[in-house]
C-alpha atoms as a PDB file:
ATOM      1  CA  SER A   1       0.000   0.000   0.000  1.00  0.00           C
ATOM      2  CA  LEU A   2       3.007   2.348   0.275  1.00  0.00           C
ATOM      3  CA  PRO A   3       3.191   3.161  -3.480  1.00  0.00           C
ATOM      4  CA  LEU A   4      -0.540   3.903  -3.397  1.00  0.00           C
ATOM      5  CA  LEU A   5      -0.066   6.455  -0.637  1.00  0.00           C
ATOM      6  CA  GLN A   6       2.569   8.239  -2.688  1.00  0.00           C
ATOM      7  CA  ALA A   7      -0.049   8.933  -5.369  1.00  0.00           C
ATOM      8  CA  ALA A   8      -1.770  11.450  -3.099  1.00  0.00           C
ATOM      9  CA  LYS A   9      -1.367  15.244  -3.316  1.00  0.00           C
ATOM     10  CA  LYS A  10      -3.820  15.716  -6.181  1.00  0.00           C
ATOM     11  CA  ARG A  11      -6.400  18.364  -5.361  1.00  0.00           C
ATOM     12  CA  SER A  12      -9.067  17.972  -8.052  1.00  0.00           C
ATOM     13  CA  SER A  13     -10.709  14.865  -6.557  1.00  0.00           C
ATOM     14  CA  MET A  14     -14.078  15.525  -4.969  1.00  0.00           C
ATOM     15  CA  ASN A  15     -15.334  12.000  -4.205  1.00  0.00           C
ATOM     16  CA  LEU A  16     -13.101  11.399  -1.163  1.00  0.00           C
ATOM     17  CA  LEU A  17     -13.830   9.786   2.183  1.00  0.00           C
ATOM     18  CA  GLU A  18     -14.758  12.297   4.863  1.00  0.00           C
ATOM     19  CA  LEU A  19     -12.581  12.708   7.959  1.00  0.00           C
ATOM     20  CA  THR A  20     -13.963  13.565  11.366  1.00  0.00           C
ATOM     21  CA  GLU A  21     -11.996  15.616  13.871  1.00  0.00           C
ATOM     22  CA  ALA A  22     -12.396  12.813  16.448  1.00  0.00           C
ATOM     23  CA  GLU A  23     -10.283  10.526  14.229  1.00  0.00           C
ATOM     24  CA  LEU A  24      -7.445  13.064  13.977  1.00  0.00           C
ATOM     25  CA  GLU A  25      -4.527  13.809  16.254  1.00  0.00           C
ATOM     26  CA  GLU A  26      -2.867  17.150  15.569  1.00  0.00           C
ATOM     27  CA  GLN A  27       0.497  18.530  16.706  1.00  0.00           C
ATOM     28  CA  PHE A  28       2.385  21.717  15.930  1.00  0.00           C
ATOM     29  CA  VAL A  29       6.147  21.331  15.714  1.00  0.00           C
ATOM     30  CA  ARG A  30       9.094  23.315  14.419  1.00  0.00           C
ATOM     31  CA  GLY A  31       9.612  22.872  10.727  1.00  0.00           C
ATOM     32  CA  ASP A  32      12.878  22.025   9.054  1.00  0.00           C
ATOM     33  CA  GLY A  33      14.632  23.117   5.907  1.00  0.00           C
ATOM     34  CA  PRO A  34      15.559  26.586   4.660  1.00  0.00           C
ATOM     35  CA  GLY A  35      14.198  29.659   6.380  1.00  0.00           C
ATOM     36  CA  GLY A  36      16.663  30.369   9.168  1.00  0.00           C
ATOM     37  CA  GLN A  37      15.311  32.183  12.196  1.00  0.00           C
ATOM     38  CA  ALA A  38      11.745  32.306  10.830  1.00  0.00           C
ATOM     39  CA  THR A  39      11.703  28.505  10.759  1.00  0.00           C
ATOM     40  CA  ASN A  40      13.710  27.842  13.893  1.00  0.00           C
ATOM     41  CA  LYS A  41      11.603  29.925  16.284  1.00  0.00           C
ATOM     42  CA  THR A  42       8.031  29.134  15.233  1.00  0.00           C
ATOM     43  CA  ASN A  43       5.958  25.975  15.605  1.00  0.00           C
ATOM     44  CA  ASN A  44       4.057  26.284  12.347  1.00  0.00           C
ATOM     45  CA  CYS A  45       4.658  22.804  10.978  1.00  0.00           C
ATOM     46  CA  VAL A  46       1.516  20.660  11.306  1.00  0.00           C
ATOM     47  CA  VAL A  47       1.743  16.921  12.026  1.00  0.00           C
ATOM     48  CA  LEU A  48      -1.622  15.267  11.483  1.00  0.00           C
ATOM     49  CA  LYS A  49      -2.317  11.608  12.285  1.00  0.00           C
ATOM     50  CA  HIS A  50      -5.378   9.590  11.280  1.00  0.00           C
ATOM     51  CA  ILE A  51      -5.774   7.322  14.311  1.00  0.00           C
ATOM     52  CA  PRO A  52      -7.760   4.412  12.738  1.00  0.00           C
ATOM     53  CA  SER A  53      -5.354   3.902   9.815  1.00  0.00           C
ATOM     54  CA  GLY A  54      -2.153   5.210  11.423  1.00  0.00           C
ATOM     55  CA  ILE A  55      -1.373   7.480   8.460  1.00  0.00           C
ATOM     56  CA  VAL A  56       0.721  10.531   9.393  1.00  0.00           C
ATOM     57  CA  VAL A  57       1.108  13.709   7.330  1.00  0.00           C
ATOM     58  CA  LYS A  58       3.604  16.478   8.030  1.00  0.00           C
ATOM     59  CA  CYS A  59       2.949  19.841   6.349  1.00  0.00           C
ATOM     60  CA  HIS A  60       5.240  22.863   6.405  1.00  0.00           C
ATOM     61  CA  GLN A  61       4.532  24.402   3.010  1.00  0.00           C
ATOM     62  CA  THR A  62       3.760  27.915   4.250  1.00  0.00           C
ATOM     63  CA  ARG A  63       4.572  30.099   7.274  1.00  0.00           C
ATOM     64  CA  SER A  64       0.902  30.218   8.230  1.00  0.00           C
ATOM     65  CA  VAL A  65      -0.325  27.609  10.714  1.00  0.00           C
ATOM     66  CA  GLU A  66      -3.907  27.858   9.410  1.00  0.00           C
ATOM     67  CA  LYS A  67      -2.871  27.290   5.792  1.00  0.00           C
ATOM     68  CA  ASN A  68      -0.665  24.366   6.825  1.00  0.00           C
ATOM     69  CA  ARG A  69      -3.569  22.852   8.795  1.00  0.00           C
ATOM     70  CA  LYS A  70      -5.829  23.095   5.751  1.00  0.00           C
ATOM     71  CA  ILE A  71      -3.241  21.649   3.362  1.00  0.00           C
ATOM     72  CA  ALA A  72      -2.390  18.821   5.800  1.00  0.00           C
ATOM     73  CA  ARG A  73      -6.071  17.875   6.049  1.00  0.00           C
ATOM     74  CA  GLU A  74      -6.433  17.807   2.261  1.00  0.00           C
ATOM     75  CA  ILE A  75      -3.377  15.597   1.835  1.00  0.00           C
ATOM     76  CA  LEU A  76      -4.427  13.322   4.698  1.00  0.00           C
ATOM     77  CA  GLN A  77      -7.922  12.981   3.268  1.00  0.00           C
ATOM     78  CA  GLU A  78      -6.488  11.879  -0.078  1.00  0.00           C
ATOM     79  CA  LYS A  79      -4.095   9.410   1.557  1.00  0.00           C
ATOM     80  CA  VAL A  80      -6.868   7.924   3.710  1.00  0.00           C
ATOM     81  CA  ASP A  81      -9.046   7.615   0.607  1.00  0.00           C
ATOM     82  CA  LEU A  82      -6.227   5.764  -1.164  1.00  0.00           C
ATOM     83  CA  PHE A  83      -5.648   3.570   1.889  1.00  0.00           C
ATOM     84  CA  TYR A  84      -9.249   2.380   2.078  1.00  0.00           C
ATOM     85  CA  LYS A  85     -10.308   2.400  -1.599  1.00  0.00           C
ATOM     86  CA  GLY A  86      -7.002   1.392  -3.182  1.00  0.00           C
ATOM     87  CA  GLU A  87      -7.184   1.284  -6.981  1.00  0.00           C
ATOM     88  CA  ASP A  88     -10.858   2.336  -6.921  1.00  0.00           C
ATOM     89  CA  SER A  89      -9.894   5.750  -5.522  1.00  0.00           C
ATOM     90  CA  ASP A  90     -10.276   8.823  -7.741  1.00  0.00           C
ATOM     91  CA  VAL A  91      -6.814   9.968  -6.644  1.00  0.00           C
ATOM     92  CA  PHE A  92      -5.269   6.713  -7.893  1.00  0.00           C
ATOM     93  CA  LYS A  93      -7.146   6.940 -11.199  1.00  0.00           C
ATOM     94  CA  GLU A  94      -5.978  10.530 -11.716  1.00  0.00           C
ATOM     95  CA  LYS A  95      -2.391   9.542 -10.991  1.00  0.00           C
ATOM     96  CA  LYS A  96      -2.559   6.667 -13.497  1.00  0.00           C
ATOM     97  CA  ALA A  97      -4.091   8.940 -16.158  1.00  0.00           C
ATOM     98  CA  SER A  98      -1.365  11.511 -15.534  1.00  0.00           C
ATOM     99  CA  GLU A  99       1.372   8.885 -15.894  1.00  0.00           C
ATOM    100  CA  LYS A 100      -0.197   7.635 -19.116  1.00  0.00           C
ATOM    101  CA  GLN A 101      -0.221  11.163 -20.558  1.00  0.00           C
ATOM    102  CA  LYS A 102       3.443  11.632 -19.620  1.00  0.00           C
ATOM    103  CA  GLN A 103       4.397   8.359 -21.306  1.00  0.00           C
ATOM    104  CA  GLU A 104       2.498   9.334 -24.448  1.00  0.00           C
ATOM    105  CA  LYS A 105       4.207  12.729 -24.503  1.00  0.00           C
ATOM    106  CA  ARG A 106       7.638  11.099 -24.128  1.00  0.00           C
ATOM    107  CA  ARG A 107       6.847   8.635 -26.917  1.00  0.00           C
ATOM    108  CA  ARG A 108       5.818  11.439 -29.287  1.00  0.00           C
ATOM    109  CA  ALA A 109       8.956  13.431 -28.403  1.00  0.00           C
ATOM    110  CA  ARG A 110      11.162  10.413 -29.200  1.00  0.00           C
ATOM    111  CA  GLU A 111       9.376   9.898 -32.525  1.00  0.00           C
ATOM    112  CA  ASN A 112       9.850  13.555 -33.446  1.00  0.00           C
ATOM    113  CA  LEU A 113      13.534  13.351 -32.557  1.00  0.00           C
ATOM    114  CA  GLU A 114      13.962  10.287 -34.773  1.00  0.00           C
ATOM    115  CA  ARG A 115      12.193  12.065 -37.650  1.00  0.00           C
ATOM    116  CA  LYS A 116      14.497  15.065 -37.271  1.00  0.00           C
ATOM    117  CA  LYS A 117      17.574  12.818 -37.300  1.00  0.00           C
ATOM    118  CA  LEU A 118      16.378  11.060 -40.435  1.00  0.00           C
ATOM    119  CA  PHE A 119      15.610  14.384 -42.099  1.00  0.00           C
ATOM    120  CA  LYS A 120      19.117  15.710 -41.341  1.00  0.00           C
ATOM    121  CA  GLU A 121      20.685  12.523 -42.665  1.00  0.00           C
ATOM    122  CA  MET A 122      18.641  12.821 -45.846  1.00  0.00           C
ATOM    123  CA  GLN A 123      19.774  16.448 -46.278  1.00  0.00           C
ATOM    124  CA  GLN A 124      23.419  15.474 -45.842  1.00  0.00           C
ATOM    125  CA  LEU A 125      23.068  12.682 -48.415  1.00  0.00           C
ATOM    126  CA  ASP A 126      21.453  15.092 -50.882  1.00  0.00           C
ATOM    127  CA  LYS A 127      24.373  17.552 -50.501  1.00  0.00           C
ATOM    128  CA  LYS A 128      26.910  14.843 -51.423  1.00  0.00           C
END
């Protein structure tokens, strides 16, 4: 189930499982990473745990505690949805569709590159 949980972080899914505040355990800790004194002195990193599934999300994307709380809940909701629904989850389906589009784009780019190489070779042969 670990690779499934990594598919989360999509925000366009609307058909997700609902979370209740009773199922959540929330902590505010000091964030890490760049930011110097602003990061080292404030507890604006949100650690959110879904007690029934044991899934933990840590969010320190902004300096605002309220924004981090909101973002952490969105990410946790998507991960919980993936945990319980698996491949039937909208988040998983979106991730698969996105990967398929990327593969198709790469394939077309490779084909175009091959066509360009062939065209250049043909031009060089015509010059000789």
